[in-house]
N, C-alpha and C. Protein backbone atom coordinates (compact mmCIF):
# COMPACT_ATOMS: atom_id res chain seq x y z
N MET A 1 -3.55 11.04 -2.18
CA MET A 1 -3.12 10.12 -1.54
C MET A 1 -3.41 8.04 -2.67
N ALA A 2 -3.93 7.61 -2.11
CA ALA A 2 -4.00 6.49 -3.00
C ALA A 2 -4.99 7.09 -4.18
N ASP A 3 -5.64 7.81 -4.82
CA ASP A 3 -6.47 7.96 -5.53
C ASP A 3 -5.26 9.09 -6.33
N GLY A 4 -4.29 8.67 -6.83
CA GLY A 4 -2.93 10.04 -7.21
C GLY A 4 -3.26 9.76 -9.13
N PRO A 5 -2.87 10.50 -9.51
CA PRO A 5 -2.31 10.82 -11.17
C PRO A 5 -3.09 9.79 -11.81
N ALA A 6 -1.94 8.54 -11.37
CA ALA A 6 -1.52 7.37 -12.25
C ALA A 6 -3.24 6.73 -12.24
N SER A 7 -3.56 6.47 -11.13
CA SER A 7 -5.07 5.70 -10.96
C SER A 7 -6.47 6.36 -11.71
N SER A 8 -6.39 8.10 -11.24
CA SER A 8 -8.01 8.62 -11.57
C SER A 8 -7.70 7.90 -13.02
N SER A 9 -7.27 8.21 -14.27
CA SER A 9 -7.49 8.04 -15.40
C SER A 9 -7.74 6.46 -15.91
N SER A 10 -7.59 5.57 -14.95
CA SER A 10 -7.88 4.30 -15.53
C SER A 10 -8.95 3.55 -15.17
N PRO A 11 -9.56 3.02 -16.21
CA PRO A 11 -11.15 2.67 -15.60
C PRO A 11 -11.10 0.94 -14.91
N ALA A 12 -9.98 0.88 -15.10
CA ALA A 12 -9.84 -0.76 -14.56
C ALA A 12 -9.51 -0.09 -12.86
N ALA A 13 -8.71 0.43 -12.63
CA ALA A 13 -8.64 1.12 -11.38
C ALA A 13 -10.36 1.70 -9.99
N ASN A 14 -10.75 2.42 -11.81
CA ASN A 14 -11.96 3.40 -11.09
C ASN A 14 -12.73 1.76 -10.90
N ALA A 15 -13.14 0.97 -11.54
CA ALA A 15 -13.80 0.12 -11.20
C ALA A 15 -13.58 -0.96 -9.79
N ALA A 16 -12.03 -1.05 -9.89
CA ALA A 16 -11.56 -1.74 -8.61
C ALA A 16 -11.77 -0.89 -7.39
N ARG A 17 -11.98 0.54 -7.05
CA ARG A 17 -12.15 1.48 -6.28
C ARG A 17 -13.63 1.28 -6.08
N GLU A 18 -14.55 1.13 -7.28
CA GLU A 18 -15.92 0.87 -6.88
C GLU A 18 -16.12 -0.67 -6.14
N ARG A 19 -15.45 -1.48 -6.64
CA ARG A 19 -15.63 -2.85 -5.75
C ARG A 19 -15.49 -2.48 -4.66
N LEU A 20 -14.32 -1.94 -4.17
CA LEU A 20 -13.89 -2.04 -2.84
C LEU A 20 -14.68 -1.21 -2.04
N ARG A 21 -14.94 -0.02 -2.43
CA ARG A 21 -16.00 0.45 -1.74
C ARG A 21 -17.77 0.45 -1.14
N ALA A 22 -18.09 -0.74 -2.32
CA ALA A 22 -19.25 -1.78 -2.30
C ALA A 22 -19.19 -2.66 -1.49
N ALA A 23 -17.41 -3.43 -1.54
CA ALA A 23 -17.27 -4.38 -0.48
C ALA A 23 -17.46 -3.71 1.27
N MET A 24 -16.94 -2.27 1.41
CA MET A 24 -16.83 -1.50 2.89
C MET A 24 -18.29 -1.70 2.89
N VAL A 25 -19.24 -1.11 2.67
CA VAL A 25 -20.54 -1.06 2.60
C VAL A 25 -20.86 -2.29 2.75
N ARG A 26 -20.88 -3.37 2.09
CA ARG A 26 -21.46 -4.96 2.64
C ARG A 26 -20.78 -4.76 3.88
N LEU A 27 -19.88 -4.80 4.06
CA LEU A 27 -18.96 -4.91 5.34
C LEU A 27 -19.62 -4.29 6.56
N ALA A 28 -19.96 -3.61 6.30
CA ALA A 28 -20.66 -2.68 7.53
C ALA A 28 -21.81 -3.15 7.88
N ASP A 29 -22.70 -3.79 6.74
CA ASP A 29 -24.29 -4.43 6.73
C ASP A 29 -24.00 -5.50 7.29
N GLY A 30 -22.73 -6.03 7.51
CA GLY A 30 -22.54 -7.48 8.32
C GLY A 30 -22.16 -8.27 7.43
N ASP A 31 -21.72 -8.56 6.21
CA ASP A 31 -21.41 -9.13 5.03
C ASP A 31 -20.40 -9.77 5.28
N SER A 32 -19.77 -11.10 5.99
CA SER A 32 -18.57 -11.18 6.17
C SER A 32 -17.50 -11.37 5.52
N ALA A 33 -18.45 -12.26 4.08
CA ALA A 33 -17.12 -12.34 2.80
C ALA A 33 -16.91 -11.09 2.65
N ALA A 34 -17.22 -10.19 2.64
CA ALA A 34 -16.91 -8.99 2.12
C ALA A 34 -15.35 -8.71 2.64
N LEU A 35 -14.87 -8.78 3.82
CA LEU A 35 -14.35 -8.81 4.84
C LEU A 35 -12.66 -8.93 3.44
N GLU A 36 -13.19 -10.42 3.11
CA GLU A 36 -11.94 -11.20 2.74
C GLU A 36 -11.67 -10.70 1.05
N GLU A 37 -12.59 -10.22 0.66
CA GLU A 37 -12.52 -9.06 -0.76
C GLU A 37 -11.75 -7.89 0.01
N ILE A 38 -11.71 -7.43 1.00
CA ILE A 38 -11.66 -6.04 1.09
C ILE A 38 -9.33 -6.40 1.51
N TYR A 39 -9.76 -7.46 2.37
CA TYR A 39 -7.90 -7.97 2.63
C TYR A 39 -7.58 -8.42 1.31
N ASP A 40 -8.12 -8.89 0.39
CA ASP A 40 -7.39 -9.37 -0.36
C ASP A 40 -7.14 -8.03 -1.83
N ALA A 41 -7.77 -7.34 -1.88
CA ALA A 41 -7.94 -5.91 -2.80
C ALA A 41 -6.88 -4.94 -2.18
N THR A 42 -6.68 -4.95 -0.17
CA THR A 42 -5.46 -3.86 0.66
C THR A 42 -4.39 -4.49 0.90
N ARG A 43 -4.31 -6.05 1.30
CA ARG A 43 -3.17 -6.11 2.12
C ARG A 43 -1.70 -5.62 1.75
N VAL A 44 -1.38 -5.58 0.60
CA VAL A 44 -0.18 -5.02 0.05
C VAL A 44 0.07 -3.74 0.92
N LYS A 45 -0.68 -2.62 0.22
CA LYS A 45 -0.30 -1.15 0.50
C LYS A 45 -0.61 -1.23 1.90
N LEU A 46 -1.78 -1.56 2.70
CA LEU A 46 -1.59 -1.71 3.98
C LEU A 46 -0.45 -1.98 4.74
N PHE A 47 -0.03 -3.26 4.72
CA PHE A 47 1.21 -4.21 5.17
C PHE A 47 2.82 -2.79 5.06
N GLY A 48 2.50 -2.33 3.80
CA GLY A 48 3.26 -1.28 3.89
C GLY A 48 3.49 -0.17 4.59
N ILE A 49 2.29 0.26 4.59
CA ILE A 49 2.28 1.37 5.64
C ILE A 49 2.50 1.13 7.09
N CYS A 50 2.20 0.00 7.48
CA CYS A 50 2.69 -0.67 8.92
C CYS A 50 3.93 -0.81 8.88
N PHE A 51 4.39 -1.57 7.85
CA PHE A 51 6.22 -2.23 7.94
C PHE A 51 6.97 -0.54 8.32
N ARG A 52 6.61 0.30 7.13
CA ARG A 52 7.42 1.50 7.30
C ARG A 52 7.19 2.64 8.45
N ILE A 53 6.26 2.57 9.17
CA ILE A 53 6.05 3.20 10.08
C ILE A 53 6.92 2.46 11.48
N LEU A 54 6.97 0.81 11.49
CA LEU A 54 7.10 -0.02 12.62
C LEU A 54 8.65 -0.50 12.61
N GLY A 55 8.83 -0.67 11.40
CA GLY A 55 10.16 -1.11 10.59
C GLY A 55 11.11 -1.80 11.50
N ASP A 56 9.65 -3.44 11.67
CA ASP A 56 9.66 -5.03 11.91
C ASP A 56 8.51 -5.46 11.23
N ARG A 57 8.96 -6.82 10.26
CA ARG A 57 7.90 -7.35 9.89
C ARG A 57 7.08 -8.07 10.61
N LYS A 58 7.75 -8.58 11.47
CA LYS A 58 6.86 -9.13 12.63
C LYS A 58 5.73 -8.42 13.04
N GLU A 59 5.84 -7.27 14.06
CA GLU A 59 5.35 -5.99 14.49
C GLU A 59 4.02 -5.85 13.24
N ALA A 60 4.84 -5.03 12.57
CA ALA A 60 3.55 -5.10 11.07
C ALA A 60 2.60 -5.80 10.67
N GLU A 61 2.95 -7.31 10.81
CA GLU A 61 2.13 -8.20 10.48
C GLU A 61 0.90 -8.24 11.51
N ASP A 62 1.67 -8.16 12.80
CA ASP A 62 0.55 -8.25 14.01
C ASP A 62 -0.31 -6.61 14.02
N ALA A 63 0.44 -5.65 13.06
CA ALA A 63 -0.59 -4.47 13.01
C ALA A 63 -1.62 -4.75 12.59
N LEU A 64 -1.32 -5.31 10.93
CA LEU A 64 -1.99 -5.40 10.13
C LEU A 64 -3.15 -6.58 10.54
N GLN A 65 -3.17 -7.66 11.01
CA GLN A 65 -4.35 -8.06 11.46
C GLN A 65 -4.68 -7.64 12.45
N ASP A 66 -4.57 -6.73 13.64
CA ASP A 66 -5.38 -5.47 14.21
C ASP A 66 -6.48 -4.81 13.37
N VAL A 67 -5.58 -4.25 11.88
CA VAL A 67 -6.48 -3.52 11.23
C VAL A 67 -7.32 -4.09 10.79
N TYR A 68 -7.64 -5.44 10.11
CA TYR A 68 -8.50 -6.45 9.81
C TYR A 68 -9.53 -6.84 10.81
N VAL A 69 -9.14 -7.16 12.40
CA VAL A 69 -10.20 -7.46 13.66
C VAL A 69 -10.46 -6.23 14.04
N ASN A 70 -10.15 -4.70 13.72
CA ASN A 70 -10.93 -3.91 14.24
C ASN A 70 -11.88 -2.93 13.12
N LEU A 71 -11.64 -3.40 11.41
CA LEU A 71 -12.23 -3.03 10.60
C LEU A 71 -13.66 -3.92 10.77
N TRP A 72 -13.73 -5.05 11.18
CA TRP A 72 -14.98 -6.04 11.31
C TRP A 72 -15.86 -5.29 12.00
N GLN A 73 -15.09 -4.42 13.14
CA GLN A 73 -15.89 -4.35 14.46
C GLN A 73 -16.09 -2.97 13.97
N ARG A 74 -15.77 -1.91 13.53
CA ARG A 74 -16.06 -0.60 12.97
C ARG A 74 -15.97 -0.28 11.72
N ALA A 75 -16.52 -1.18 10.63
CA ALA A 75 -16.70 -0.88 9.20
C ALA A 75 -18.13 0.43 9.05
N ASP A 76 -18.55 0.15 10.18
CA ASP A 76 -20.12 1.06 10.02
C ASP A 76 -19.64 2.51 10.16
N ARG A 77 -18.19 2.62 10.46
CA ARG A 77 -17.88 4.31 10.41
C ARG A 77 -17.43 4.89 9.14
N TYR A 78 -17.01 3.98 8.17
CA TYR A 78 -16.47 4.28 7.23
C TYR A 78 -18.14 5.11 6.27
N ASP A 79 -17.25 6.46 5.67
CA ASP A 79 -18.46 6.93 5.26
C ASP A 79 -17.83 7.27 3.98
N PRO A 80 -18.74 6.03 2.50
CA PRO A 80 -18.68 6.35 1.21
C PRO A 80 -18.16 8.03 0.72
N ASP A 81 -19.03 8.59 1.19
CA ASP A 81 -19.55 10.15 0.71
C ASP A 81 -18.56 11.12 1.13
N ARG A 82 -17.41 10.60 1.36
CA ARG A 82 -16.39 11.64 2.47
C ARG A 82 -15.36 11.21 2.15
N ALA A 83 -15.00 9.77 1.86
CA ALA A 83 -13.29 9.74 1.66
C ALA A 83 -13.42 7.91 0.53
N SER A 84 -12.24 8.11 -0.35
CA SER A 84 -12.20 6.88 -1.35
C SER A 84 -12.08 5.94 -0.03
N PRO A 85 -12.92 4.44 -0.11
CA PRO A 85 -12.32 3.44 0.43
C PRO A 85 -10.34 3.51 1.01
N ILE A 86 -9.72 3.26 -0.07
CA ILE A 86 -8.33 2.84 0.05
C ILE A 86 -7.86 4.00 1.17
N SER A 87 -8.17 5.36 0.71
CA SER A 87 -7.55 6.45 1.82
C SER A 87 -8.11 6.05 3.45
N TRP A 88 -9.21 5.94 3.38
CA TRP A 88 -9.27 5.81 4.57
C TRP A 88 -9.09 4.76 5.60
N LEU A 89 -9.25 3.28 4.39
CA LEU A 89 -8.05 2.14 4.98
C LEU A 89 -6.80 2.34 5.28
N ALA A 90 -6.20 3.63 4.38
CA ALA A 90 -4.69 4.07 4.92
C ALA A 90 -5.04 4.39 6.32
N THR A 91 -5.49 5.34 6.26
CA THR A 91 -5.24 6.24 7.46
C THR A 91 -5.71 5.70 8.47
N PHE A 92 -6.17 4.35 8.62
CA PHE A 92 -6.85 3.47 9.52
C PHE A 92 -5.45 2.43 10.03
N ALA A 93 -4.89 2.12 8.94
CA ALA A 93 -3.62 1.22 9.40
C ALA A 93 -2.71 2.36 9.82
N ARG A 94 -2.40 3.40 9.22
CA ARG A 94 -1.45 4.36 9.66
C ARG A 94 -1.80 4.70 11.34
N ASN A 95 -2.76 4.73 11.63
CA ASN A 95 -3.46 4.73 13.14
C ASN A 95 -2.67 3.93 14.03
N ARG A 96 -3.03 2.37 13.46
CA ARG A 96 -3.41 1.39 14.41
C ARG A 96 -1.88 1.02 14.50
N ALA A 97 -0.77 1.19 13.50
CA ALA A 97 0.50 1.32 13.43
C ALA A 97 1.16 2.66 14.81
N ILE A 98 0.34 3.47 14.61
CA ILE A 98 1.37 4.48 15.30
C ILE A 98 0.66 4.28 16.87
N ASP A 99 -0.13 3.70 17.43
CA ASP A 99 -1.04 2.99 18.76
C ASP A 99 0.04 2.02 19.19
N ARG A 100 1.03 1.32 17.94
CA ARG A 100 1.46 0.10 18.10
C ARG A 100 2.81 0.93 18.82
N LEU A 101 3.09 1.74 18.39
CA LEU A 101 4.43 2.27 18.48
C LEU A 101 4.26 3.24 19.81
N ARG A 102 2.97 3.51 20.59
CA ARG A 102 2.71 4.41 21.41
C ARG A 102 2.78 3.62 22.66
N THR A 103 2.78 2.30 22.54
CA THR A 103 2.99 1.60 23.92
C THR A 103 4.45 1.04 23.76
N GLY A 104 5.64 1.82 23.14
CA GLY A 104 7.15 1.32 23.58
C GLY A 104 7.43 0.06 23.75
N LYS A 105 6.77 -0.80 22.91
CA LYS A 105 6.97 -2.23 22.75
C LYS A 105 7.54 -2.57 21.69
N VAL A 106 7.64 -1.46 20.53
CA VAL A 106 7.88 -1.97 19.26
C VAL A 106 10.01 -2.08 19.42
N ARG A 107 9.89 -3.18 18.61
CA ARG A 107 11.34 -3.08 18.54
C ARG A 107 12.02 -2.27 17.57
N GLY A 108 13.67 -2.55 17.90
CA GLY A 108 14.29 -1.28 16.85
C GLY A 108 13.87 -1.23 15.78
N GLY A 109 14.09 -0.23 14.98
CA GLY A 109 13.72 0.24 13.38
C GLY A 109 12.71 0.88 13.19
N ALA A 110 12.09 1.06 14.34
CA ALA A 110 10.25 2.03 14.19
C ALA A 110 10.74 3.50 14.18
N VAL A 111 10.04 4.55 13.59
CA VAL A 111 10.66 5.54 13.33
C VAL A 111 9.74 6.35 14.79
N PRO A 112 10.18 7.36 14.77
CA PRO A 112 9.91 7.85 16.01
C PRO A 112 8.19 8.33 16.00
N VAL A 113 7.34 8.51 17.10
CA VAL A 113 5.98 8.84 16.98
C VAL A 113 5.63 9.74 16.08
N GLU A 114 6.66 11.15 16.10
CA GLU A 114 6.28 12.28 15.41
C GLU A 114 6.60 12.69 13.84
N GLU A 115 7.18 11.44 13.76
CA GLU A 115 7.34 11.29 11.98
C GLU A 115 6.77 10.01 11.09
N ALA A 116 5.79 9.70 12.14
CA ALA A 116 5.28 8.15 11.07
C ALA A 116 3.73 8.64 10.19
N ASN A 117 3.40 9.85 10.89
CA ASN A 117 2.33 10.27 9.90
C ASN A 117 2.26 10.62 8.54
N PRO A 118 3.38 10.97 7.93
CA PRO A 118 3.96 11.32 7.02
C PRO A 118 4.44 10.52 6.27
N LEU A 119 4.41 9.50 6.48
CA LEU A 119 5.63 8.31 5.83
C LEU A 119 4.50 7.92 4.51
N PRO A 120 3.37 6.98 5.42
CA PRO A 120 2.92 6.33 4.34
C PRO A 120 2.50 6.74 3.08
N ASP A 121 2.61 8.18 3.14
CA ASP A 121 2.32 9.26 1.84
C ASP A 121 3.55 9.26 0.67
N SER A 122 4.73 8.99 1.30
CA SER A 122 5.86 9.29 0.13
C SER A 122 5.70 8.74 -0.93
N ALA A 123 5.18 8.09 -1.65
CA ALA A 123 5.54 7.14 -2.73
C ALA A 123 3.95 7.24 -3.25
N PRO A 124 2.89 8.46 -3.65
CA PRO A 124 1.52 7.96 -4.00
C PRO A 124 1.41 7.44 -5.48
N LEU A 125 2.66 7.95 -6.72
CA LEU A 125 2.67 6.92 -7.97
C LEU A 125 2.60 5.36 -7.46
N ALA A 126 3.75 4.67 -6.89
CA ALA A 126 3.66 3.58 -6.30
C ALA A 126 2.28 2.74 -5.63
N ASP A 127 1.37 3.93 -4.74
CA ASP A 127 0.22 3.08 -4.20
C ASP A 127 -1.05 3.27 -5.36
N SER A 128 -0.69 4.09 -6.00
CA SER A 128 -2.17 3.80 -7.17
C SER A 128 -1.61 2.82 -8.23
N LEU A 129 -0.37 2.43 -8.51
CA LEU A 129 -0.12 1.78 -9.40
C LEU A 129 -0.54 0.11 -8.91
N LEU A 130 -0.11 -0.08 -7.19
CA LEU A 130 0.20 -1.56 -6.54
C LEU A 130 -1.24 -2.26 -6.11
N VAL A 131 -2.08 -0.85 -5.63
CA VAL A 131 -2.93 -1.28 -4.87
C VAL A 131 -4.03 -1.62 -5.19
N ASP A 132 -4.60 -1.49 -6.65
CA ASP A 132 -5.57 -2.28 -7.29
C ASP A 132 -5.35 -3.70 -7.95
N ALA A 133 -5.43 -4.51 -7.33
CA ALA A 133 -5.91 -6.13 -7.12
C ALA A 133 -6.47 -6.66 -8.85
N GLU A 134 -7.13 -5.59 -9.26
CA GLU A 134 -7.35 -5.63 -10.86
C GLU A 134 -6.58 -5.80 -11.66
N ASN A 135 -5.36 -5.18 -11.74
CA ASN A 135 -4.42 -4.99 -12.26
C ASN A 135 -2.92 -5.60 -11.84
N ALA A 136 -3.08 -6.67 -10.81
CA ALA A 136 -2.05 -7.32 -10.39
C ALA A 136 -1.16 -8.45 -11.79
N ALA A 137 -1.95 -8.78 -12.23
CA ALA A 137 -1.73 -9.89 -13.43
C ALA A 137 -0.45 -9.26 -14.38
N GLN A 138 -1.20 -7.82 -14.36
CA GLN A 138 -0.78 -6.89 -15.61
C GLN A 138 0.83 -6.51 -15.15
N ILE A 139 0.64 -5.71 -13.59
CA ILE A 139 1.51 -5.19 -12.78
C ILE A 139 2.81 -6.22 -13.23
N HIS A 140 2.89 -7.42 -12.95
CA HIS A 140 3.47 -8.59 -13.02
C HIS A 140 4.39 -8.65 -14.10
N THR A 141 4.07 -8.61 -15.39
CA THR A 141 3.83 -8.20 -16.75
C THR A 141 4.91 -7.46 -16.79
N CYS A 142 4.42 -6.60 -16.42
CA CYS A 142 5.19 -5.04 -17.20
C CYS A 142 6.53 -4.89 -16.03
N LEU A 143 6.66 -5.47 -14.73
CA LEU A 143 7.82 -6.03 -14.01
C LEU A 143 8.70 -6.88 -14.56
N ALA A 144 8.16 -7.64 -15.12
CA ALA A 144 8.91 -8.75 -15.80
C ALA A 144 9.88 -7.76 -16.95
N GLY A 145 9.52 -7.13 -17.27
CA GLY A 145 9.78 -6.00 -18.30
C GLY A 145 11.00 -5.10 -18.11
N LEU A 146 10.85 -4.65 -16.63
CA LEU A 146 12.27 -4.36 -16.26
C LEU A 146 13.77 -4.81 -15.80
N ASP A 147 14.56 -4.34 -15.86
CA ASP A 147 16.22 -4.80 -15.79
C ASP A 147 16.10 -5.36 -14.36
N GLU A 148 16.93 -6.37 -14.17
CA GLU A 148 16.29 -7.35 -12.82
C GLU A 148 16.68 -6.30 -11.78
N ASN A 149 17.87 -5.46 -11.37
CA ASN A 149 17.76 -4.62 -10.25
C ASN A 149 16.91 -4.13 -10.06
N THR A 150 16.46 -3.43 -10.94
CA THR A 150 14.76 -2.40 -10.55
C THR A 150 14.14 -2.83 -10.40
N ARG A 151 13.69 -4.30 -10.88
CA ARG A 151 12.44 -5.32 -10.58
C ARG A 151 13.09 -5.65 -9.04
N GLY A 152 14.05 -6.14 -9.02
CA GLY A 152 14.28 -6.54 -7.36
C GLY A 152 14.00 -5.13 -6.08
N HIS A 153 14.19 -4.18 -6.68
CA HIS A 153 14.20 -2.93 -5.70
C HIS A 153 12.48 -2.48 -5.73
N ILE A 154 12.05 -2.70 -6.93
CA ILE A 154 10.35 -2.45 -6.57
C ILE A 154 9.76 -3.46 -5.88
N ARG A 155 9.83 -5.08 -6.41
CA ARG A 155 9.53 -5.60 -5.18
C ARG A 155 9.66 -5.93 -3.78
N GLY A 156 10.95 -5.67 -3.57
CA GLY A 156 11.44 -5.25 -2.58
C GLY A 156 10.43 -4.54 -1.28
N ALA A 157 10.35 -3.21 -1.77
CA ALA A 157 9.95 -1.65 -1.49
C ALA A 157 8.18 -2.08 -1.11
N PHE A 158 7.74 -3.19 -2.55
CA PHE A 158 6.49 -2.67 -2.51
C PHE A 158 5.72 -4.28 -2.51
N PHE A 159 6.00 -4.95 -2.31
CA PHE A 159 5.43 -6.33 -2.24
C PHE A 159 5.69 -7.23 -1.35
N GLU A 160 7.17 -6.57 -0.31
CA GLU A 160 7.60 -7.64 0.51
C GLU A 160 7.94 -6.60 1.58
N GLY A 161 7.87 -5.03 1.53
CA GLY A 161 7.41 -4.34 2.82
C GLY A 161 8.81 -3.86 3.21
N TYR A 162 10.03 -3.76 2.59
CA TYR A 162 11.43 -3.10 2.74
C TYR A 162 11.26 -1.71 2.59
N THR A 163 11.95 -0.94 3.38
CA THR A 163 11.83 0.35 3.40
C THR A 163 12.95 0.66 2.32
N TYR A 164 13.21 1.69 1.58
CA TYR A 164 14.07 2.41 0.69
C TYR A 164 15.47 2.51 1.26
N ALA A 165 15.23 3.07 2.83
CA ALA A 165 16.75 3.17 3.20
C ALA A 165 17.48 1.41 3.52
N GLN A 166 16.36 0.81 3.54
CA GLN A 166 17.47 -0.93 3.54
C GLN A 166 17.49 -1.26 2.46
N LEU A 167 17.00 -0.98 1.21
CA LEU A 167 17.07 -1.53 -0.14
C LEU A 167 18.38 -0.93 -0.27
N ALA A 168 18.21 0.66 -0.23
CA ALA A 168 19.41 1.17 -0.20
C ALA A 168 21.02 0.67 0.60
N GLU A 169 21.09 0.08 1.80
CA GLU A 169 21.68 -0.12 2.84
C GLU A 169 22.06 -1.55 1.86
N ALA A 170 21.10 -2.26 1.85
CA ALA A 170 21.55 -3.69 1.06
C ALA A 170 22.44 -3.65 -0.39
N ALA A 171 22.00 -2.45 -0.85
CA ALA A 171 22.68 -2.37 -2.29
C ALA A 171 24.00 -0.98 -2.25
N ASP A 172 24.38 -0.90 -0.92
CA ASP A 172 25.47 0.35 -0.90
C ASP A 172 25.37 1.22 -2.08
N VAL A 173 24.20 1.79 -1.81
CA VAL A 173 23.92 3.12 -2.32
C VAL A 173 23.39 4.20 -1.78
N PRO A 174 23.79 5.41 -1.87
CA PRO A 174 22.99 6.10 -1.06
C PRO A 174 21.59 6.27 -1.10
N LEU A 175 20.62 6.48 -0.09
CA LEU A 175 19.30 6.78 -0.37
C LEU A 175 18.59 7.40 -0.84
N GLY A 176 19.40 8.47 -1.52
CA GLY A 176 18.15 9.46 -2.71
C GLY A 176 18.99 8.62 -4.17
N THR A 177 19.91 7.64 -4.42
CA THR A 177 20.32 6.91 -5.68
C THR A 177 18.91 6.16 -5.91
N MET A 178 18.73 5.03 -4.53
CA MET A 178 17.26 3.99 -4.60
C MET A 178 16.63 4.88 -5.00
N LYS A 179 15.92 5.85 -4.35
CA LYS A 179 14.68 6.24 -4.48
C LYS A 179 14.82 6.96 -6.10
N SER A 180 15.92 7.49 -6.93
CA SER A 180 15.84 7.76 -7.95
C SER A 180 15.39 6.52 -8.94
N TRP A 181 16.00 5.59 -8.17
CA TRP A 181 16.07 4.57 -8.86
C TRP A 181 14.33 3.48 -9.12
N ILE A 182 13.94 3.69 -8.01
CA ILE A 182 12.67 3.27 -7.80
C ILE A 182 11.71 4.24 -8.56
N ARG A 183 11.72 5.57 -8.30
CA ARG A 183 10.79 6.09 -9.07
C ARG A 183 11.09 6.52 -10.70
N ARG A 184 12.04 5.70 -11.25
CA ARG A 184 12.11 5.53 -12.22
C ARG A 184 11.84 4.45 -12.79
N GLY A 185 11.60 3.37 -11.97
CA GLY A 185 11.27 2.05 -12.28
C GLY A 185 9.78 2.12 -12.63
N LEU A 186 9.05 2.85 -11.41
CA LEU A 186 7.76 3.12 -11.37
C LEU A 186 7.33 3.82 -12.56
N GLN A 187 8.12 5.02 -12.86
CA GLN A 187 7.28 5.78 -13.77
C GLN A 187 7.40 4.59 -15.55
N LYS A 188 8.28 3.59 -15.50
CA LYS A 188 8.40 2.59 -16.91
C LYS A 188 7.21 1.89 -16.92
N LEU A 189 6.99 1.66 -14.98
CA LEU A 189 5.85 0.44 -15.23
C LEU A 189 4.55 1.44 -15.76
N ARG A 190 4.21 2.74 -15.13
CA ARG A 190 3.18 3.24 -15.41
C ARG A 190 2.79 3.59 -16.97
N VAL A 191 3.93 3.46 -17.57
CA VAL A 191 3.81 3.37 -19.51
C VAL A 191 3.52 2.31 -20.08
N CYS A 192 3.95 1.02 -19.36
CA CYS A 192 3.66 -0.29 -19.63
C CYS A 192 2.74 -0.39 -19.37
N LEU A 193 1.91 -0.08 -18.00
CA LEU A 193 0.55 -0.41 -17.40
C LEU A 193 -0.65 0.61 -18.76
N GLU A 194 0.06 1.36 -18.76
CA GLU A 194 -0.98 2.91 -19.61
C GLU A 194 -1.09 1.86 -20.82
N ALA A 195 -0.13 1.33 -21.69
CA ALA A 195 0.02 1.14 -23.12
C ALA A 195 -0.84 0.27 -23.07
N SER A 196 -0.95 -1.36 -22.13
CA SER A 196 -1.57 -2.34 -22.04
C SER A 196 -3.30 -2.03 -21.71
N GLU A 197 -3.33 -0.86 -21.12
CA GLU A 197 -5.20 -0.62 -21.57
C GLU A 197 -5.50 0.27 -22.35
N ALA A 198 -4.73 0.60 -23.10
CA ALA A 198 -4.63 1.34 -24.41
C ALA A 198 -4.65 0.15 -25.11
N SER A 199 -4.54 -0.84 -25.51
CA SER A 199 -4.42 -1.48 -26.69
C SER A 199 -5.46 -3.04 -26.16
């Protein structure tokens, strides 16, 4: 899931993951400052999960707020020996979004409940690249090296919460083409990030 091959070999990503794990433990012990640290490190990924399930920016924002409110109340349920923090939080966000789906009040654009579970895992490479706040500055530097269209599609999908389908429709191309463009762009990003870490 979030701990895919792109992140497992990166010392910076490992360090970011350890900081997140420590923040989760501190939050469970009642350290309210840890919640802000967790929010800063995870909000992009968790918003993307909520948006892909709910298909509506306002609903996704509301679901994301629910995630952090509930996290404050339930942080003691996280077991660092059983799951990475981002994997646990991703599951937590998915469950909150699905709960909103089940109320039946979500506007058009949401996926059917039975299709919601697999959605957030559709792009593990992207998750592993984009979730670590540690690498945010370098990610933007590497993004700047992509062509304008590819850069725009990746920003849309992973920083602005648009689905691949929405991006394909806006670009007037088949969904498969959009997925291929983004996948190739992410591969170039990975090469750039790995080169920057090696230098």
